[in-house]
N, C-alpha and C. Protein backbone atom coordinates (compact mmCIF):
# COMPACT_ATOMS: atom_id res chain seq x y z
N MET A 1 37.51 46.68 -0.23
CA MET A 1 36.39 46.38 -1.12
C MET A 1 36.84 45.36 -2.15
N ALA A 2 35.87 44.66 -2.68
CA ALA A 2 36.16 43.67 -3.71
C ALA A 2 35.24 43.91 -4.90
N THR A 3 35.74 43.56 -6.06
CA THR A 3 35.00 43.73 -7.30
C THR A 3 34.85 42.38 -7.98
N GLU A 4 33.68 42.13 -8.54
CA GLU A 4 33.48 40.91 -9.31
C GLU A 4 33.87 41.17 -10.76
N VAL A 5 34.76 40.33 -11.28
CA VAL A 5 35.17 40.43 -12.67
C VAL A 5 35.06 39.06 -13.33
N MET A 6 34.88 39.09 -14.64
CA MET A 6 34.84 37.86 -15.42
C MET A 6 36.17 37.73 -16.13
N LEU A 7 36.85 36.59 -15.96
CA LEU A 7 38.16 36.38 -16.57
C LEU A 7 38.02 36.08 -18.05
N MET A 8 38.78 36.81 -18.86
CA MET A 8 38.76 36.61 -20.30
C MET A 8 39.82 35.59 -20.73
N GLN A 9 40.76 35.29 -19.84
CA GLN A 9 41.79 34.28 -20.06
C GLN A 9 42.00 33.53 -18.76
N THR A 10 42.58 32.35 -18.86
CA THR A 10 42.91 31.60 -17.65
C THR A 10 44.12 32.25 -17.00
N ILE A 11 44.01 32.52 -15.71
CA ILE A 11 45.09 33.12 -14.95
C ILE A 11 45.44 32.17 -13.81
N PRO A 12 46.70 31.70 -13.77
CA PRO A 12 47.09 30.77 -12.71
C PRO A 12 46.82 31.35 -11.32
N ASP A 13 46.39 30.52 -10.43
CA ASP A 13 46.10 30.86 -9.04
C ASP A 13 44.92 31.81 -8.87
N LEU A 14 44.19 32.12 -9.97
CA LEU A 14 43.03 32.99 -9.85
C LEU A 14 41.78 32.31 -10.40
N GLY A 15 41.84 31.79 -11.61
CA GLY A 15 40.68 31.12 -12.17
C GLY A 15 40.85 30.84 -13.65
N THR A 16 39.85 30.17 -14.20
CA THR A 16 39.88 29.81 -15.61
C THR A 16 39.07 30.81 -16.43
N GLU A 17 39.26 30.75 -17.73
CA GLU A 17 38.55 31.64 -18.64
C GLU A 17 37.05 31.49 -18.47
N GLY A 18 36.35 32.61 -18.33
CA GLY A 18 34.91 32.61 -18.20
C GLY A 18 34.40 32.56 -16.78
N SER A 19 35.27 32.31 -15.82
CA SER A 19 34.80 32.25 -14.44
C SER A 19 34.68 33.66 -13.85
N VAL A 20 33.77 33.80 -12.91
CA VAL A 20 33.56 35.07 -12.23
C VAL A 20 34.25 34.97 -10.88
N VAL A 21 35.16 35.93 -10.62
CA VAL A 21 35.92 35.91 -9.37
C VAL A 21 35.84 37.27 -8.70
N ARG A 22 36.05 37.26 -7.39
CA ARG A 22 36.08 38.50 -6.62
C ARG A 22 37.55 38.83 -6.36
N VAL A 23 37.95 40.03 -6.76
CA VAL A 23 39.32 40.48 -6.55
C VAL A 23 39.31 41.88 -5.96
N ALA A 24 40.45 42.31 -5.46
CA ALA A 24 40.56 43.66 -4.91
C ALA A 24 40.33 44.69 -6.01
N ASP A 25 39.74 45.81 -5.64
CA ASP A 25 39.45 46.88 -6.60
C ASP A 25 40.70 47.30 -7.38
N GLY A 26 41.79 47.54 -6.67
CA GLY A 26 43.02 48.00 -7.31
C GLY A 26 43.58 46.98 -8.28
N TYR A 27 43.52 45.69 -7.92
CA TYR A 27 44.01 44.63 -8.79
C TYR A 27 43.20 44.58 -10.08
N ALA A 28 41.90 44.73 -9.96
CA ALA A 28 41.04 44.73 -11.15
C ALA A 28 41.27 45.98 -11.97
N ARG A 29 41.26 47.13 -11.34
CA ARG A 29 41.35 48.41 -12.04
C ARG A 29 42.73 48.66 -12.64
N ASN A 30 43.80 48.25 -11.95
CA ASN A 30 45.16 48.59 -12.38
C ASN A 30 45.87 47.49 -13.16
N TYR A 31 45.42 46.26 -13.01
CA TYR A 31 46.14 45.17 -13.67
C TYR A 31 45.25 44.37 -14.63
N LEU A 32 44.20 43.77 -14.13
CA LEU A 32 43.39 42.86 -14.95
C LEU A 32 42.67 43.55 -16.10
N ILE A 33 41.97 44.61 -15.84
CA ILE A 33 41.16 45.28 -16.87
C ILE A 33 42.03 45.96 -17.92
N PRO A 34 43.09 46.72 -17.57
CA PRO A 34 43.90 47.35 -18.62
C PRO A 34 44.60 46.34 -19.54
N ARG A 35 44.92 45.17 -19.03
CA ARG A 35 45.60 44.15 -19.84
C ARG A 35 44.60 43.22 -20.54
N ARG A 36 43.33 43.54 -20.40
CA ARG A 36 42.24 42.78 -21.02
C ARG A 36 42.24 41.31 -20.58
N LEU A 37 42.66 41.08 -19.36
CA LEU A 37 42.60 39.75 -18.78
C LEU A 37 41.24 39.49 -18.13
N ALA A 38 40.54 40.56 -17.81
CA ALA A 38 39.23 40.45 -17.17
C ALA A 38 38.41 41.68 -17.51
N GLU A 39 37.10 41.53 -17.33
CA GLU A 39 36.17 42.65 -17.52
C GLU A 39 35.15 42.60 -16.40
N LEU A 40 34.55 43.75 -16.15
CA LEU A 40 33.46 43.78 -15.18
C LEU A 40 32.33 42.91 -15.69
N VAL A 41 31.59 42.31 -14.78
CA VAL A 41 30.52 41.39 -15.16
C VAL A 41 29.35 42.18 -15.73
N THR A 42 29.17 42.08 -17.05
CA THR A 42 28.05 42.72 -17.74
C THR A 42 27.57 41.76 -18.83
N PRO A 43 26.34 41.92 -19.29
CA PRO A 43 25.87 41.06 -20.39
C PRO A 43 26.73 41.21 -21.66
N ALA A 44 27.21 42.42 -21.94
CA ALA A 44 28.06 42.63 -23.11
C ALA A 44 29.38 41.88 -22.97
N ALA A 45 29.93 41.88 -21.79
CA ALA A 45 31.19 41.16 -21.56
C ALA A 45 30.98 39.66 -21.72
N GLN A 46 29.84 39.15 -21.27
CA GLN A 46 29.55 37.72 -21.42
C GLN A 46 29.40 37.35 -22.89
N ARG A 47 28.76 38.21 -23.69
CA ARG A 47 28.65 37.94 -25.13
C ARG A 47 30.02 37.98 -25.80
N ARG A 48 30.84 38.94 -25.42
CA ARG A 48 32.18 39.06 -25.99
C ARG A 48 33.03 37.83 -25.65
N LEU A 49 32.91 37.36 -24.42
CA LEU A 49 33.64 36.17 -24.00
C LEU A 49 33.19 34.95 -24.79
N GLU A 50 31.88 34.82 -24.98
CA GLU A 50 31.35 33.68 -25.73
C GLU A 50 31.85 33.70 -27.18
N LYS A 51 31.87 34.88 -27.78
CA LYS A 51 32.37 35.01 -29.15
C LYS A 51 33.85 34.65 -29.22
N LEU A 52 34.63 35.13 -28.26
CA LEU A 52 36.05 34.83 -28.21
C LEU A 52 36.29 33.34 -28.04
N ARG A 53 35.52 32.70 -27.19
CA ARG A 53 35.65 31.26 -26.95
C ARG A 53 35.33 30.47 -28.21
N THR A 54 34.28 30.88 -28.96
CA THR A 54 33.91 30.22 -30.20
C THR A 54 35.02 30.35 -31.24
N GLU A 55 35.60 31.56 -31.36
CA GLU A 55 36.69 31.78 -32.31
C GLU A 55 37.90 30.92 -31.96
N ARG A 56 38.22 30.81 -30.68
CA ARG A 56 39.36 29.98 -30.26
C ARG A 56 39.11 28.51 -30.56
N GLU A 57 37.89 28.03 -30.34
CA GLU A 57 37.56 26.63 -30.63
C GLU A 57 37.71 26.33 -32.12
N GLU A 58 37.24 27.25 -32.98
CA GLU A 58 37.38 27.05 -34.42
C GLU A 58 38.84 27.04 -34.84
N ALA A 59 39.63 27.96 -34.28
CA ALA A 59 41.05 28.00 -34.61
C ALA A 59 41.76 26.74 -34.12
N ASN A 60 41.36 26.25 -32.96
CA ASN A 60 41.96 25.03 -32.41
C ASN A 60 41.60 23.82 -33.27
N LYS A 61 40.36 23.75 -33.76
CA LYS A 61 39.95 22.64 -34.64
C LYS A 61 40.75 22.66 -35.93
N ALA A 62 40.94 23.84 -36.50
CA ALA A 62 41.71 23.95 -37.75
C ALA A 62 43.16 23.55 -37.51
N LEU A 63 43.74 23.97 -36.40
CA LEU A 63 45.12 23.63 -36.07
C LEU A 63 45.27 22.13 -35.85
N THR A 64 44.29 21.52 -35.18
CA THR A 64 44.32 20.08 -34.94
C THR A 64 44.22 19.31 -36.25
N ALA A 65 43.34 19.74 -37.14
CA ALA A 65 43.19 19.07 -38.43
C ALA A 65 44.47 19.19 -39.25
N GLU A 66 45.09 20.35 -39.24
CA GLU A 66 46.33 20.56 -39.98
C GLU A 66 47.45 19.69 -39.42
N ALA A 67 47.56 19.63 -38.10
CA ALA A 67 48.59 18.82 -37.46
C ALA A 67 48.36 17.34 -37.71
N SER A 68 47.11 16.91 -37.72
CA SER A 68 46.79 15.51 -38.00
C SER A 68 47.16 15.14 -39.43
N ALA A 69 46.88 16.03 -40.37
CA ALA A 69 47.23 15.78 -41.77
C ALA A 69 48.75 15.70 -41.94
N LEU A 70 49.48 16.58 -41.26
CA LEU A 70 50.93 16.54 -41.33
C LEU A 70 51.48 15.27 -40.69
N ALA A 71 50.89 14.84 -39.59
CA ALA A 71 51.32 13.60 -38.94
C ALA A 71 51.09 12.41 -39.87
N ASP A 72 49.98 12.39 -40.60
CA ASP A 72 49.71 11.31 -41.55
C ASP A 72 50.74 11.31 -42.68
N ARG A 73 51.10 12.50 -43.16
CA ARG A 73 52.10 12.60 -44.23
C ARG A 73 53.48 12.19 -43.75
N LEU A 74 53.80 12.46 -42.49
CA LEU A 74 55.11 12.12 -41.94
C LEU A 74 55.22 10.66 -41.50
N ALA A 75 54.10 9.94 -41.45
CA ALA A 75 54.10 8.58 -40.90
C ALA A 75 55.09 7.66 -41.61
N GLY A 76 55.18 7.70 -42.91
CA GLY A 76 56.05 6.78 -43.62
C GLY A 76 57.35 7.40 -44.10
N VAL A 77 57.71 8.54 -43.59
CA VAL A 77 58.87 9.27 -44.08
C VAL A 77 60.15 8.78 -43.40
N SER A 78 61.19 8.69 -44.20
CA SER A 78 62.52 8.43 -43.64
C SER A 78 63.50 9.37 -44.33
N VAL A 79 64.51 9.78 -43.59
CA VAL A 79 65.53 10.67 -44.13
C VAL A 79 66.88 9.96 -44.05
N THR A 80 67.70 10.21 -45.06
CA THR A 80 69.04 9.64 -45.09
C THR A 80 70.05 10.76 -44.92
N LEU A 81 70.93 10.58 -43.96
CA LEU A 81 71.94 11.58 -43.67
C LEU A 81 73.31 10.96 -43.91
N ALA A 82 74.01 11.41 -44.94
CA ALA A 82 75.34 10.91 -45.25
C ALA A 82 76.37 11.77 -44.52
N VAL A 83 77.21 11.12 -43.73
CA VAL A 83 78.18 11.85 -42.91
C VAL A 83 79.54 11.18 -42.99
N LYS A 84 80.58 11.93 -42.65
CA LYS A 84 81.93 11.38 -42.61
C LYS A 84 82.13 10.67 -41.28
N THR A 85 82.89 9.59 -41.33
CA THR A 85 83.16 8.82 -40.11
C THR A 85 84.65 8.75 -39.87
N SER A 86 85.03 8.50 -38.63
CA SER A 86 86.44 8.41 -38.29
C SER A 86 86.97 6.99 -38.47
N ASP A 87 86.20 5.99 -38.07
CA ASP A 87 86.68 4.61 -38.15
C ASP A 87 85.66 3.70 -38.83
N GLY A 88 84.79 4.28 -39.61
CA GLY A 88 83.78 3.48 -40.30
C GLY A 88 82.50 3.32 -39.51
N GLU A 89 82.48 3.77 -38.27
CA GLU A 89 81.28 3.62 -37.46
C GLU A 89 80.93 4.89 -36.67
N HIS A 90 81.93 5.55 -36.11
CA HIS A 90 81.69 6.75 -35.30
C HIS A 90 81.79 7.99 -36.18
N LEU A 91 80.92 8.95 -35.94
CA LEU A 91 80.89 10.18 -36.72
C LEU A 91 81.96 11.15 -36.21
N TYR A 92 82.42 12.02 -37.10
CA TYR A 92 83.34 13.08 -36.68
C TYR A 92 82.63 14.05 -35.74
N GLY A 93 81.45 14.42 -36.09
CA GLY A 93 80.67 15.32 -35.24
C GLY A 93 79.47 14.56 -34.70
N SER A 94 78.32 15.21 -34.73
CA SER A 94 77.09 14.55 -34.31
C SER A 94 75.94 15.10 -35.13
N ILE A 95 74.85 14.39 -35.10
CA ILE A 95 73.65 14.82 -35.83
C ILE A 95 72.60 15.19 -34.79
N GLY A 96 72.06 16.38 -34.94
CA GLY A 96 71.03 16.86 -34.03
C GLY A 96 69.79 17.27 -34.79
N ALA A 97 68.95 18.02 -34.12
CA ALA A 97 67.69 18.46 -34.70
C ALA A 97 67.86 19.31 -35.95
N PRO A 98 68.82 20.24 -36.02
CA PRO A 98 68.94 21.06 -37.24
C PRO A 98 69.21 20.24 -38.50
N GLU A 99 70.01 19.22 -38.39
CA GLU A 99 70.32 18.38 -39.55
C GLU A 99 69.09 17.60 -40.01
N ILE A 100 68.30 17.13 -39.06
CA ILE A 100 67.09 16.39 -39.40
C ILE A 100 66.06 17.32 -40.03
N VAL A 101 65.95 18.53 -39.51
CA VAL A 101 65.02 19.52 -40.07
C VAL A 101 65.40 19.86 -41.50
N SER A 102 66.70 20.05 -41.76
CA SER A 102 67.11 20.39 -43.12
C SER A 102 66.88 19.21 -44.07
N ALA A 103 67.04 17.97 -43.60
CA ALA A 103 66.75 16.81 -44.44
C ALA A 103 65.26 16.72 -44.73
N LEU A 104 64.42 17.06 -43.76
CA LEU A 104 62.97 17.06 -43.98
C LEU A 104 62.57 18.19 -44.93
N GLU A 105 63.23 19.35 -44.83
CA GLU A 105 62.93 20.45 -45.74
C GLU A 105 63.27 20.09 -47.18
N ALA A 106 64.31 19.28 -47.37
CA ALA A 106 64.66 18.83 -48.71
C ALA A 106 63.56 17.95 -49.31
N GLN A 107 62.77 17.32 -48.44
CA GLN A 107 61.66 16.48 -48.90
C GLN A 107 60.35 17.25 -48.94
N GLY A 108 60.37 18.54 -48.61
CA GLY A 108 59.18 19.37 -48.72
C GLY A 108 58.38 19.56 -47.44
N PHE A 109 58.94 19.21 -46.31
CA PHE A 109 58.26 19.39 -45.03
C PHE A 109 58.84 20.59 -44.30
N THR A 110 57.98 21.38 -43.70
CA THR A 110 58.43 22.52 -42.91
C THR A 110 58.17 22.21 -41.44
N ILE A 111 59.24 21.94 -40.72
CA ILE A 111 59.16 21.56 -39.31
C ILE A 111 60.08 22.50 -38.53
N ASP A 112 59.63 22.91 -37.35
CA ASP A 112 60.45 23.74 -36.48
C ASP A 112 61.45 22.84 -35.75
N LYS A 113 62.67 23.31 -35.56
CA LYS A 113 63.68 22.44 -34.95
C LYS A 113 63.37 22.13 -33.48
N GLN A 114 62.57 22.96 -32.81
CA GLN A 114 62.19 22.64 -31.44
C GLN A 114 61.19 21.49 -31.38
N ALA A 115 60.56 21.17 -32.51
CA ALA A 115 59.59 20.09 -32.55
C ALA A 115 60.27 18.73 -32.63
N VAL A 116 61.52 18.70 -33.06
CA VAL A 116 62.25 17.43 -33.20
C VAL A 116 62.76 17.02 -31.83
N GLU A 117 62.43 15.79 -31.44
CA GLU A 117 62.81 15.30 -30.12
C GLU A 117 63.80 14.15 -30.26
N ILE A 118 65.04 14.43 -29.87
CA ILE A 118 66.09 13.42 -29.87
C ILE A 118 66.63 13.36 -28.45
N ALA A 119 66.74 12.15 -27.90
CA ALA A 119 67.22 12.03 -26.53
C ALA A 119 68.63 12.59 -26.38
N GLU A 120 69.50 12.24 -27.31
CA GLU A 120 70.86 12.77 -27.32
C GLU A 120 71.34 12.81 -28.76
N PRO A 121 72.32 13.64 -29.06
CA PRO A 121 72.79 13.73 -30.45
C PRO A 121 73.27 12.38 -30.97
N ILE A 122 73.03 12.13 -32.24
CA ILE A 122 73.41 10.87 -32.87
C ILE A 122 74.89 10.93 -33.21
N LYS A 123 75.67 9.92 -32.76
CA LYS A 123 77.11 9.93 -32.96
C LYS A 123 77.63 8.68 -33.65
N GLU A 124 76.72 7.77 -34.03
CA GLU A 124 77.14 6.54 -34.71
C GLU A 124 76.24 6.28 -35.89
N LEU A 125 76.74 5.46 -36.83
CA LEU A 125 75.95 5.07 -37.98
C LEU A 125 74.81 4.17 -37.52
N GLY A 126 73.71 4.17 -38.27
CA GLY A 126 72.59 3.30 -37.93
C GLY A 126 71.26 3.92 -38.31
N VAL A 127 70.20 3.25 -37.86
CA VAL A 127 68.85 3.71 -38.11
C VAL A 127 68.27 4.15 -36.76
N TYR A 128 67.73 5.36 -36.74
CA TYR A 128 67.20 5.92 -35.50
C TYR A 128 65.76 6.38 -35.71
N GLU A 129 64.94 6.20 -34.69
CA GLU A 129 63.58 6.71 -34.73
C GLU A 129 63.57 8.07 -34.06
N VAL A 130 63.04 9.05 -34.76
CA VAL A 130 63.02 10.42 -34.27
C VAL A 130 61.57 10.85 -34.10
N LYS A 131 61.25 11.33 -32.93
CA LYS A 131 59.89 11.79 -32.63
C LYS A 131 59.77 13.26 -32.98
N ILE A 132 58.67 13.62 -33.64
CA ILE A 132 58.40 15.01 -33.99
C ILE A 132 57.10 15.42 -33.32
N ASN A 133 57.18 16.44 -32.47
CA ASN A 133 56.01 16.95 -31.75
C ASN A 133 55.37 18.03 -32.60
N LEU A 134 54.16 17.78 -33.04
CA LEU A 134 53.42 18.74 -33.85
C LEU A 134 52.45 19.51 -32.97
N ALA A 135 51.73 20.43 -33.55
CA ALA A 135 50.77 21.24 -32.80
C ALA A 135 49.61 20.39 -32.29
N ALA A 136 48.92 20.89 -31.31
CA ALA A 136 47.72 20.28 -30.74
C ALA A 136 47.97 18.87 -30.20
N GLY A 137 49.16 18.62 -29.70
CA GLY A 137 49.46 17.33 -29.08
C GLY A 137 49.70 16.19 -30.06
N GLN A 138 49.71 16.45 -31.34
CA GLN A 138 49.96 15.40 -32.34
C GLN A 138 51.46 15.11 -32.40
N THR A 139 51.80 13.84 -32.60
CA THR A 139 53.20 13.46 -32.77
C THR A 139 53.34 12.56 -33.98
N ALA A 140 54.54 12.53 -34.53
CA ALA A 140 54.86 11.65 -35.65
C ALA A 140 56.25 11.10 -35.40
N THR A 141 56.49 9.91 -35.90
CA THR A 141 57.80 9.30 -35.77
C THR A 141 58.36 9.03 -37.16
N ILE A 142 59.58 9.48 -37.40
CA ILE A 142 60.22 9.22 -38.68
C ILE A 142 61.49 8.41 -38.42
N LYS A 143 62.03 7.83 -39.48
CA LYS A 143 63.28 7.09 -39.38
C LYS A 143 64.39 7.93 -39.97
N ALA A 144 65.49 7.99 -39.26
CA ALA A 144 66.67 8.69 -39.73
C ALA A 144 67.77 7.67 -39.98
N TRP A 145 68.15 7.54 -41.23
CA TRP A 145 69.20 6.62 -41.63
C TRP A 145 70.51 7.41 -41.67
N VAL A 146 71.44 7.04 -40.82
CA VAL A 146 72.75 7.70 -40.78
C VAL A 146 73.72 6.74 -41.48
N VAL A 147 74.23 7.18 -42.64
CA VAL A 147 75.11 6.32 -43.44
C VAL A 147 76.43 7.03 -43.68
N GLU A 148 77.43 6.23 -44.03
CA GLU A 148 78.75 6.79 -44.32
C GLU A 148 78.76 7.43 -45.69
N GLU A 149 79.48 8.54 -45.79
CA GLU A 149 79.56 9.30 -47.04
C GLU A 149 80.36 8.58 -48.08
């Protein structure tokens, strides 16, 4: 037997949020419904799904606006990192995402270190462009000045 259920979330290889799919009774009863991934097709479930979708859209709009504002604030930002060098050009260690995050925190920005995108750790003096991935697909690029201490 098969049961028609409405998906409350997108499930890979099954369907997207809001779609009505036919699944085995046991799969619906033992997995989808208890985990609130799907509900039986009823008018109440459709109203609940619509309300949930509206709440998610509003939250996504707020997150996008916040990320856009942060990207605008980060647009002209540059950080200076003073480090020790071995021969006047090469660093003793390297500069990675944690160092850039702490330099940004000193300027009043709160960025997660996983958001900082560096191709490879910085090991020489110079000016580097660092990409920061913000929420909702927004990105910002800052300049990192690596200077001798």
